[in-house]
Amino acid sequence: MKKVPIIFKGDNEDFGLSIVSEPFISKYSSNSVNEFDRIQKIAEQTKGIVMPGLNTSIINVLKVEPHSFNSDKPLVEAQKWAEENFVGIYTAHNGTFNEFEYQISRSAIHKYLQPSATDKSENISIHLSALKNLPEVIDASIEVEIHADYTKVNGVRSVENPVNDKILIHIFYGAISHENKLYRIKTTIYEYRDTNRTNKPYSFEVIKIELLDFVESNSSTSAPNSPNSHGGLSIRVANILQNIEKSYDKGKFLLEESEKSVDYFRRSIL
């Protein structure tokens, strides 16, 4: 699979930048370990690489039906169902980037259903409904940020802490509808320096947001007639990222930093 660089449009010239050609750069690079190390260094220097173009990007809204785990122990039921149906290797067909592989394991499913994961979502019901559609959620999401894997010190992760140099963290955001309500879903995916290890969705969280500026799915920037979209509708990424800060650079907002990304890479890399 070839990398296709995104070209940034400047005032007088075009700026080619392979760093954002696709989310999992190391997997497709001719010298993947060196490329991984290069991206990790930039992620540390910037306290997180924010993808350019977020303010003008559009994604499909994924319609998610209510989950069917109706026993007196829905989390146990959900874990059993997911282990029977989800364990394996997947290929994401993200519309913004080239496809990439990832693995859902039994241990990952177990983590998705722990309080440390479910407590971050709006409620258990929407969390389980999203779980039943996790591969489709990843397909319908857009990569927003890449940051280093900061280790915990006294239970806290910080840019001041040592970095686990074997992992890069990729943050994706998507939009889902559930019972006529709109939610923002954040998925965290691990990329490993060891290219023999498959990328892994590590966690996800689902937060309710207001129904904002939808555009019709026949726009050239979205997938027309998507069977999983909410009534054929899409949403501007800017609407689901309003007031969302970078993961490890508080006070800096994703949409503002996305606008600055071209200038940063022009100065630091090109």
C-alpha atoms as a PDB file:
ATOM      1  CA  MET A   1       0.000   0.000   0.000  1.00  0.00           C
ATOM      2  CA  LYS A   2       1.406   3.370  -1.010  1.00  0.00           C
ATOM      3  CA  LYS A   3       1.298   6.514   1.060  1.00  0.00           C
ATOM      4  CA  VAL A   4      -0.404   9.443  -0.638  1.00  0.00           C
ATOM      5  CA  PRO A   5       0.733  12.746   0.893  1.00  0.00           C
ATOM      6  CA  ILE A   6      -1.792  15.397   1.764  1.00  0.00           C
ATOM      7  CA  ILE A   7      -0.917  18.648  -0.007  1.00  0.00           C
ATOM      8  CA  PHE A   8      -1.380  21.837   1.977  1.00  0.00           C
ATOM      9  CA  LYS A   9      -2.272  24.860  -0.092  1.00  0.00           C
ATOM     10  CA  GLY A  10      -0.144  27.899   0.693  1.00  0.00           C
ATOM     11  CA  ASP A  11      -0.399  31.426  -0.702  1.00  0.00           C
ATOM     12  CA  ASN A  12       2.239  30.933  -3.362  1.00  0.00           C
ATOM     13  CA  GLU A  13       3.093  27.253  -3.315  1.00  0.00           C
ATOM     14  CA  ASP A  14       1.939  23.797  -2.260  1.00  0.00           C
ATOM     15  CA  PHE A  15       3.370  22.105   0.812  1.00  0.00           C
ATOM     16  CA  GLY A  16       3.494  18.304   0.665  1.00  0.00           C
ATOM     17  CA  LEU A  17       3.492  16.586   4.054  1.00  0.00           C
ATOM     18  CA  SER A  18       3.609  12.839   4.426  1.00  0.00           C
ATOM     19  CA  ILE A  19       3.118  12.890   8.207  1.00  0.00           C
ATOM     20  CA  VAL A  20      -0.641  13.089   7.851  1.00  0.00           C
ATOM     21  CA  SER A  21      -1.018  10.937   4.763  1.00  0.00           C
ATOM     22  CA  GLU A  22      -2.751   8.271   6.856  1.00  0.00           C
ATOM     23  CA  PRO A  23      -3.166   7.552  10.549  1.00  0.00           C
ATOM     24  CA  PHE A  24      -0.759   4.655  10.987  1.00  0.00           C
ATOM     25  CA  ILE A  25       2.306   5.981   9.234  1.00  0.00           C
ATOM     26  CA  SER A  26       4.773   3.399  10.473  1.00  0.00           C
ATOM     27  CA  LYS A  27       2.910   0.429   9.038  1.00  0.00           C
ATOM     28  CA  TYR A  28       3.291   1.616   5.455  1.00  0.00           C
ATOM     29  CA  SER A  29       6.678   3.323   5.566  1.00  0.00           C
ATOM     30  CA  SER A  30       9.687   1.849   3.768  1.00  0.00           C
ATOM     31  CA  ASN A  31      11.632   2.235   7.034  1.00  0.00           C
ATOM     32  CA  SER A  32       8.793   1.886   9.480  1.00  0.00           C
ATOM     33  CA  VAL A  33      10.707   1.936  12.777  1.00  0.00           C
ATOM     34  CA  ASN A  34      12.567   5.141  11.865  1.00  0.00           C
ATOM     35  CA  GLU A  35       9.303   6.725  10.764  1.00  0.00           C
ATOM     36  CA  PHE A  36       7.603   5.712  14.005  1.00  0.00           C
ATOM     37  CA  ASP A  37      10.444   7.276  15.999  1.00  0.00           C
ATOM     38  CA  ARG A  38      10.256  10.480  13.937  1.00  0.00           C
ATOM     39  CA  ILE A  39       6.522  10.855  14.503  1.00  0.00           C
ATOM     40  CA  GLN A  40       6.870  10.076  18.192  1.00  0.00           C
ATOM     41  CA  LYS A  41       9.535  12.772  18.579  1.00  0.00           C
ATOM     42  CA  ILE A  42       7.303  15.354  16.895  1.00  0.00           C
ATOM     43  CA  ALA A  43       4.362  14.287  19.062  1.00  0.00           C
ATOM     44  CA  GLU A  44       6.467  14.886  22.184  1.00  0.00           C
ATOM     45  CA  GLN A  45       7.747  18.253  20.953  1.00  0.00           C
ATOM     46  CA  THR A  46       4.255  19.499  20.165  1.00  0.00           C
ATOM     47  CA  LYS A  47       2.485  17.829  23.128  1.00  0.00           C
ATOM     48  CA  GLY A  48       0.359  16.127  20.503  1.00  0.00           C
ATOM     49  CA  ILE A  49       0.097  16.400  16.716  1.00  0.00           C
ATOM     50  CA  VAL A  50      -3.279  17.817  15.685  1.00  0.00           C
ATOM     51  CA  MET A  51      -4.452  16.896  12.200  1.00  0.00           C
ATOM     52  CA  PRO A  52      -4.925  19.783   9.768  1.00  0.00           C
ATOM     53  CA  GLY A  53      -8.209  20.378   7.983  1.00  0.00           C
ATOM     54  CA  LEU A  54     -10.544  19.515  10.860  1.00  0.00           C
ATOM     55  CA  ASN A  55     -12.502  22.740  10.490  1.00  0.00           C
ATOM     56  CA  THR A  56     -13.549  21.863   6.948  1.00  0.00           C
ATOM     57  CA  SER A  57     -13.929  18.081   7.277  1.00  0.00           C
ATOM     58  CA  ILE A  58     -17.300  16.307   7.206  1.00  0.00           C
ATOM     59  CA  ILE A  59     -18.160  12.830   8.515  1.00  0.00           C
ATOM     60  CA  ASN A  60     -21.202  10.581   8.326  1.00  0.00           C
ATOM     61  CA  VAL A  61     -23.451  10.268  11.350  1.00  0.00           C
ATOM     62  CA  LEU A  62     -23.707   6.597  12.260  1.00  0.00           C
ATOM     63  CA  LYS A  63     -27.166   5.437  13.336  1.00  0.00           C
ATOM     64  CA  VAL A  64     -26.864   3.136  16.359  1.00  0.00           C
ATOM     65  CA  GLU A  65     -29.804   1.027  17.500  1.00  0.00           C
ATOM     66  CA  PRO A  66     -30.432   0.358  21.211  1.00  0.00           C
ATOM     67  CA  HIS A  67     -28.494  -2.623  22.515  1.00  0.00           C
ATOM     68  CA  SER A  68     -30.249  -5.920  23.232  1.00  0.00           C
ATOM     69  CA  PHE A  69     -28.508  -6.836  26.496  1.00  0.00           C
ATOM     70  CA  ASN A  70     -31.614  -7.020  28.687  1.00  0.00           C
ATOM     71  CA  SER A  71     -30.603  -9.485  31.399  1.00  0.00           C
ATOM     72  CA  ASP A  72     -30.034  -8.444  35.004  1.00  0.00           C
ATOM     73  CA  LYS A  73     -26.282  -8.402  34.218  1.00  0.00           C
ATOM     74  CA  PRO A  74     -26.015  -6.473  30.917  1.00  0.00           C
ATOM     75  CA  LEU A  75     -22.256  -5.929  31.167  1.00  0.00           C
ATOM     76  CA  VAL A  76     -21.610  -9.661  31.558  1.00  0.00           C
ATOM     77  CA  GLU A  77     -23.980 -10.375  28.683  1.00  0.00           C
ATOM     78  CA  ALA A  78     -22.293  -7.725  26.528  1.00  0.00           C
ATOM     79  CA  GLN A  79     -18.836  -9.113  27.213  1.00  0.00           C
ATOM     80  CA  LYS A  80     -19.887 -12.639  26.237  1.00  0.00           C
ATOM     81  CA  TRP A  81     -21.562 -11.364  23.063  1.00  0.00           C
ATOM     82  CA  ALA A  82     -18.568  -9.244  22.057  1.00  0.00           C
ATOM     83  CA  GLU A  83     -16.108 -12.088  22.669  1.00  0.00           C
ATOM     84  CA  GLU A  84     -18.184 -14.344  20.426  1.00  0.00           C
ATOM     85  CA  ASN A  85     -18.677 -11.754  17.681  1.00  0.00           C
ATOM     86  CA  PHE A  86     -15.814  -9.250  17.706  1.00  0.00           C
ATOM     87  CA  VAL A  87     -12.519 -10.977  18.486  1.00  0.00           C
ATOM     88  CA  GLY A  88     -10.315 -10.817  15.394  1.00  0.00           C
ATOM     89  CA  ILE A  89      -8.553  -8.610  12.837  1.00  0.00           C
ATOM     90  CA  TYR A  90     -10.395  -5.795  11.063  1.00  0.00           C
ATOM     91  CA  THR A  91      -9.652  -3.384   8.247  1.00  0.00           C
ATOM     92  CA  ALA A  92     -10.901   0.161   8.734  1.00  0.00           C
ATOM     93  CA  HIS A  93     -12.044   1.919   5.583  1.00  0.00           C
ATOM     94  CA  ASN A  94     -11.838   5.474   6.835  1.00  0.00           C
ATOM     95  CA  GLY A  95     -12.878   7.943   4.156  1.00  0.00           C
ATOM     96  CA  THR A  96     -10.145  10.454   5.007  1.00  0.00           C
ATOM     97  CA  PHE A  97      -7.186   8.084   5.010  1.00  0.00           C
ATOM     98  CA  ASN A  98      -6.046   4.855   3.410  1.00  0.00           C
ATOM     99  CA  GLU A  99      -7.355   1.726   5.110  1.00  0.00           C
ATOM    100  CA  PHE A 100      -5.556   0.283   8.129  1.00  0.00           C
ATOM    101  CA  GLU A 101      -5.753  -2.914  10.152  1.00  0.00           C
ATOM    102  CA  TYR A 102      -6.550  -3.254  13.825  1.00  0.00           C
ATOM    103  CA  GLN A 103      -7.297  -6.063  16.267  1.00  0.00           C
ATOM    104  CA  ILE A 104     -10.040  -6.448  18.858  1.00  0.00           C
ATOM    105  CA  SER A 105      -8.971  -8.918  21.545  1.00  0.00           C
ATOM    106  CA  ARG A 106     -10.709 -10.485  24.542  1.00  0.00           C
ATOM    107  CA  SER A 107      -8.588  -8.409  26.894  1.00  0.00           C
ATOM    108  CA  ALA A 108      -9.588  -5.222  25.037  1.00  0.00           C
ATOM    109  CA  ILE A 109     -13.279  -6.135  25.269  1.00  0.00           C
ATOM    110  CA  HIS A 110     -12.861  -6.704  29.001  1.00  0.00           C
ATOM    111  CA  LYS A 111     -11.382  -3.204  29.338  1.00  0.00           C
ATOM    112  CA  TYR A 112     -14.207  -1.592  27.330  1.00  0.00           C
ATOM    113  CA  LEU A 113     -16.647  -2.796  30.005  1.00  0.00           C
ATOM    114  CA  GLN A 114     -14.760  -1.775  33.128  1.00  0.00           C
ATOM    115  CA  PRO A 115     -15.951   1.225  35.182  1.00  0.00           C
ATOM    116  CA  SER A 116     -12.828   3.134  34.097  1.00  0.00           C
ATOM    117  CA  ALA A 117     -14.278   2.994  30.568  1.00  0.00           C
ATOM    118  CA  THR A 118     -18.052   3.029  31.046  1.00  0.00           C
ATOM    119  CA  ASP A 119     -17.979   5.884  33.575  1.00  0.00           C
ATOM    120  CA  LYS A 120     -16.594   8.218  30.882  1.00  0.00           C
ATOM    121  CA  SER A 121     -19.642   7.705  28.662  1.00  0.00           C
ATOM    122  CA  GLU A 122     -22.997   9.464  29.028  1.00  0.00           C
ATOM    123  CA  ASN A 123     -24.576   6.293  30.419  1.00  0.00           C
ATOM    124  CA  ILE A 124     -24.250   2.507  30.283  1.00  0.00           C
ATOM    125  CA  SER A 125     -26.994   2.153  27.681  1.00  0.00           C
ATOM    126  CA  ILE A 126     -25.308   4.325  25.035  1.00  0.00           C
ATOM    127  CA  HIS A 127     -21.928   2.770  25.852  1.00  0.00           C
ATOM    128  CA  LEU A 128     -23.238  -0.739  25.187  1.00  0.00           C
ATOM    129  CA  SER A 129     -25.093   0.375  22.061  1.00  0.00           C
ATOM    130  CA  ALA A 130     -21.863   1.872  20.711  1.00  0.00           C
ATOM    131  CA  LEU A 131     -19.945  -1.287  21.623  1.00  0.00           C
ATOM    132  CA  LYS A 132     -22.223  -3.379  19.416  1.00  0.00           C
ATOM    133  CA  ASN A 133     -21.197  -1.160  16.491  1.00  0.00           C
ATOM    134  CA  LEU A 134     -17.533  -0.557  17.302  1.00  0.00           C
ATOM    135  CA  PRO A 135     -16.038  -1.514  13.885  1.00  0.00           C
ATOM    136  CA  GLU A 136     -18.603   0.683  12.113  1.00  0.00           C
ATOM    137  CA  VAL A 137     -17.873   3.500  14.580  1.00  0.00           C
ATOM    138  CA  ILE A 138     -14.164   3.349  13.754  1.00  0.00           C
ATOM    139  CA  ASP A 139     -14.961   3.333  10.030  1.00  0.00           C
ATOM    140  CA  ALA A 140     -17.093   6.454  10.408  1.00  0.00           C
ATOM    141  CA  SER A 141     -14.579   8.385  12.565  1.00  0.00           C
ATOM    142  CA  ILE A 142     -11.784  10.772  11.660  1.00  0.00           C
ATOM    143  CA  GLU A 143      -8.307  10.942  13.155  1.00  0.00           C
ATOM    144  CA  VAL A 144      -7.846  14.116  15.176  1.00  0.00           C
ATOM    145  CA  GLU A 145      -4.662  13.821  17.251  1.00  0.00           C
ATOM    146  CA  ILE A 146      -1.512  11.746  17.719  1.00  0.00           C
ATOM    147  CA  HIS A 147       0.250  11.918  21.079  1.00  0.00           C
ATOM    148  CA  ALA A 148       2.929  10.057  22.976  1.00  0.00           C
ATOM    149  CA  ASP A 149       2.109   7.351  25.519  1.00  0.00           C
ATOM    150  CA  TYR A 150       2.942   9.101  28.785  1.00  0.00           C
ATOM    151  CA  THR A 151       3.406   6.755  31.721  1.00  0.00           C
ATOM    152  CA  LYS A 152       1.498   7.223  34.962  1.00  0.00           C
ATOM    153  CA  VAL A 153       3.250   8.758  37.961  1.00  0.00           C
ATOM    154  CA  ASN A 154       1.224   8.696  41.174  1.00  0.00           C
ATOM    155  CA  GLY A 155      -1.783   7.717  39.088  1.00  0.00           C
ATOM    156  CA  VAL A 156      -1.498  10.696  36.721  1.00  0.00           C
ATOM    157  CA  ARG A 157      -0.335  10.917  33.090  1.00  0.00           C
ATOM    158  CA  SER A 158       1.531  14.104  32.209  1.00  0.00           C
ATOM    159  CA  VAL A 159       3.941  15.474  29.601  1.00  0.00           C
ATOM    160  CA  GLU A 160       6.429  15.733  32.456  1.00  0.00           C
ATOM    161  CA  ASN A 161       6.407  11.941  32.864  1.00  0.00           C
ATOM    162  CA  PRO A 162       8.542   9.378  31.018  1.00  0.00           C
ATOM    163  CA  VAL A 163       7.278   8.208  27.630  1.00  0.00           C
ATOM    164  CA  ASN A 164       6.630   4.610  26.643  1.00  0.00           C
ATOM    165  CA  ASP A 165       8.539   4.697  23.365  1.00  0.00           C
ATOM    166  CA  LYS A 166       6.927   1.486  22.085  1.00  0.00           C
ATOM    167  CA  ILE A 167       3.449   2.992  21.532  1.00  0.00           C
ATOM    168  CA  LEU A 168       1.876   5.952  19.731  1.00  0.00           C
ATOM    169  CA  ILE A 169      -1.648   7.022  20.669  1.00  0.00           C
ATOM    170  CA  HIS A 170      -4.114   7.938  17.897  1.00  0.00           C
ATOM    171  CA  ILE A 171      -7.328   9.761  18.818  1.00  0.00           C
ATOM    172  CA  PHE A 172     -10.371   9.454  16.543  1.00  0.00           C
ATOM    173  CA  TYR A 173     -13.724  11.228  16.814  1.00  0.00           C
ATOM    174  CA  GLY A 174     -17.039  10.285  15.231  1.00  0.00           C
ATOM    175  CA  ALA A 175     -20.736  11.132  15.527  1.00  0.00           C
ATOM    176  CA  ILE A 176     -23.527   8.683  16.244  1.00  0.00           C
ATOM    177  CA  SER A 177     -27.282   9.025  16.658  1.00  0.00           C
ATOM    178  CA  HIS A 178     -29.210   6.943  19.182  1.00  0.00           C
ATOM    179  CA  GLU A 179     -32.934   7.279  19.837  1.00  0.00           C
ATOM    180  CA  ASN A 180     -33.006  10.680  18.089  1.00  0.00           C
ATOM    181  CA  LYS A 181     -30.123  12.075  20.132  1.00  0.00           C
ATOM    182  CA  LEU A 182     -26.685  12.981  18.826  1.00  0.00           C
ATOM    183  CA  TYR A 183     -23.473  11.823  20.506  1.00  0.00           C
ATOM    184  CA  ARG A 184     -19.788  12.447  20.024  1.00  0.00           C
ATOM    185  CA  ILE A 185     -17.693   9.283  20.269  1.00  0.00           C
ATOM    186  CA  LYS A 186     -13.964   9.333  20.977  1.00  0.00           C
ATOM    187  CA  THR A 187     -11.910   6.231  20.218  1.00  0.00           C
ATOM    188  CA  THR A 188      -8.307   5.750  21.321  1.00  0.00           C
ATOM    189  CA  ILE A 189      -6.199   3.446  19.146  1.00  0.00           C
ATOM    190  CA  TYR A 190      -2.708   2.182  19.908  1.00  0.00           C
ATOM    191  CA  GLU A 191      -0.030   1.882  17.238  1.00  0.00           C
ATOM    192  CA  TYR A 192       3.007  -0.229  18.158  1.00  0.00           C
ATOM    193  CA  ARG A 193       6.627   0.415  17.239  1.00  0.00           C
ATOM    194  CA  ASP A 194       6.888  -3.335  16.644  1.00  0.00           C
ATOM    195  CA  THR A 195       5.153  -3.613  13.268  1.00  0.00           C
ATOM    196  CA  ASN A 196       4.485  -7.308  13.917  1.00  0.00           C
ATOM    197  CA  ARG A 197       1.879  -6.150  16.429  1.00  0.00           C
ATOM    198  CA  THR A 198      -1.479  -5.051  15.077  1.00  0.00           C
ATOM    199  CA  ASN A 199      -3.023  -1.691  15.982  1.00  0.00           C
ATOM    200  CA  LYS A 200      -5.488  -1.951  18.883  1.00  0.00           C
ATOM    201  CA  PRO A 201      -8.554   0.097  19.832  1.00  0.00           C
ATOM    202  CA  TYR A 202      -7.804   0.716  23.499  1.00  0.00           C
ATOM    203  CA  SER A 203     -10.876   2.588  24.704  1.00  0.00           C
ATOM    204  CA  PHE A 204     -13.915   4.611  23.664  1.00  0.00           C
ATOM    205  CA  GLU A 205     -16.296   7.057  25.301  1.00  0.00           C
ATOM    206  CA  VAL A 206     -19.664   8.452  24.187  1.00  0.00           C
ATOM    207  CA  ILE A 207     -20.875  11.948  25.127  1.00  0.00           C
ATOM    208  CA  LYS A 208     -24.218  13.582  24.232  1.00  0.00           C
ATOM    209  CA  ILE A 209     -24.061  16.829  22.255  1.00  0.00           C
ATOM    210  CA  GLU A 210     -26.651  19.183  20.780  1.00  0.00           C
ATOM    211  CA  LEU A 211     -27.996  18.530  17.310  1.00  0.00           C
ATOM    212  CA  LEU A 212     -26.078  21.049  15.244  1.00  0.00           C
ATOM    213  CA  ASP A 213     -25.287  21.921  11.648  1.00  0.00           C
ATOM    214  CA  PHE A 214     -25.997  18.839   9.504  1.00  0.00           C
ATOM    215  CA  VAL A 215     -25.305  18.732   5.767  1.00  0.00           C
ATOM    216  CA  GLU A 216     -26.803  16.313   3.290  1.00  0.00           C
ATOM    217  CA  SER A 217     -24.812  13.185   2.532  1.00  0.00           C
ATOM    218  CA  ASN A 218     -24.761  13.787  -1.217  1.00  0.00           C
ATOM    219  CA  SER A 219     -22.036  16.338  -0.550  1.00  0.00           C
ATOM    220  CA  SER A 220     -18.815  15.505  -2.366  1.00  0.00           C
ATOM    221  CA  THR A 221     -17.056  15.256   0.983  1.00  0.00           C
ATOM    222  CA  SER A 222     -19.206  12.454   2.379  1.00  0.00           C
ATOM    223  CA  ALA A 223     -20.301   8.982   1.348  1.00  0.00           C
ATOM    224  CA  PRO A 224     -23.657   9.159  -0.460  1.00  0.00           C
ATOM    225  CA  ASN A 225     -26.431   6.774   0.535  1.00  0.00           C
ATOM    226  CA  SER A 226     -24.427   5.237   3.365  1.00  0.00           C
ATOM    227  CA  PRO A 227     -26.563   2.445   4.895  1.00  0.00           C
ATOM    228  CA  ASN A 228     -25.306   3.283   8.386  1.00  0.00           C
ATOM    229  CA  SER A 229     -25.723   7.041   8.267  1.00  0.00           C
ATOM    230  CA  HIS A 230     -28.459   8.834  10.208  1.00  0.00           C
ATOM    231  CA  GLY A 231     -31.093   9.381   7.543  1.00  0.00           C
ATOM    232  CA  GLY A 232     -28.369  10.024   4.964  1.00  0.00           C
ATOM    233  CA  LEU A 233     -26.958  12.905   7.011  1.00  0.00           C
ATOM    234  CA  SER A 234     -23.427  14.004   7.783  1.00  0.00           C
ATOM    235  CA  ILE A 235     -21.989  16.525  10.195  1.00  0.00           C
ATOM    236  CA  ARG A 236     -19.125  18.975  10.184  1.00  0.00           C
ATOM    237  CA  VAL A 237     -16.261  17.799  12.365  1.00  0.00           C
ATOM    238  CA  ALA A 238     -15.998  21.330  13.749  1.00  0.00           C
ATOM    239  CA  ASN A 239     -19.430  20.876  15.346  1.00  0.00           C
ATOM    240  CA  ILE A 240     -18.423  17.852  17.404  1.00  0.00           C
ATOM    241  CA  LEU A 241     -15.036  19.284  18.428  1.00  0.00           C
ATOM    242  CA  GLN A 242     -16.198  22.653  19.745  1.00  0.00           C
ATOM    243  CA  ASN A 243     -14.250  23.559  22.917  1.00  0.00           C
ATOM    244  CA  ILE A 244     -12.379  20.223  22.968  1.00  0.00           C
ATOM    245  CA  GLU A 245      -8.805  20.638  24.206  1.00  0.00           C
ATOM    246  CA  LYS A 246      -5.718  18.686  23.213  1.00  0.00           C
ATOM    247  CA  SER A 247      -5.158  15.632  25.379  1.00  0.00           C
ATOM    248  CA  TYR A 248      -1.982  16.883  27.065  1.00  0.00           C
ATOM    249  CA  ASP A 249      -1.887  20.600  26.299  1.00  0.00           C
ATOM    250  CA  LYS A 250      -4.670  22.200  28.288  1.00  0.00           C
ATOM    251  CA  GLY A 251      -5.914  25.570  27.088  1.00  0.00           C
ATOM    252  CA  LYS A 252      -5.159  24.687  23.465  1.00  0.00           C
ATOM    253  CA  PHE A 253      -8.174  23.659  21.448  1.00  0.00           C
ATOM    254  CA  LEU A 254      -8.211  21.078  18.667  1.00  0.00           C
ATOM    255  CA  LEU A 255      -9.908  23.266  16.064  1.00  0.00           C
ATOM    256  CA  GLU A 256      -7.562  26.206  16.651  1.00  0.00           C
ATOM    257  CA  GLU A 257      -4.496  23.964  16.639  1.00  0.00           C
ATOM    258  CA  SER A 258      -5.672  22.281  13.434  1.00  0.00           C
ATOM    259  CA  GLU A 259      -5.568  25.683  11.739  1.00  0.00           C
ATOM    260  CA  LYS A 260      -1.999  26.175  12.963  1.00  0.00           C
ATOM    261  CA  SER A 261      -0.761  22.752  11.828  1.00  0.00           C
ATOM    262  CA  VAL A 262       0.297  23.816   8.333  1.00  0.00           C
ATOM    263  CA  ASP A 263       2.438  26.659   9.651  1.00  0.00           C
ATOM    264  CA  TYR A 264       4.071  24.431  12.260  1.00  0.00           C
ATOM    265  CA  PHE A 265       5.065  21.735   9.798  1.00  0.00           C
ATOM    266  CA  ARG A 266       6.273  24.331   7.314  1.00  0.00           C
ATOM    267  CA  ARG A 267       8.676  25.750   9.917  1.00  0.00           C
ATOM    268  CA  SER A 268       9.756  22.537  11.607  1.00  0.00           C
ATOM    269  CA  ILE A 269       9.862  19.863   8.924  1.00  0.00           C
ATOM    270  CA  LEU A 270       9.884  21.202   5.374  1.00  0.00           C
END
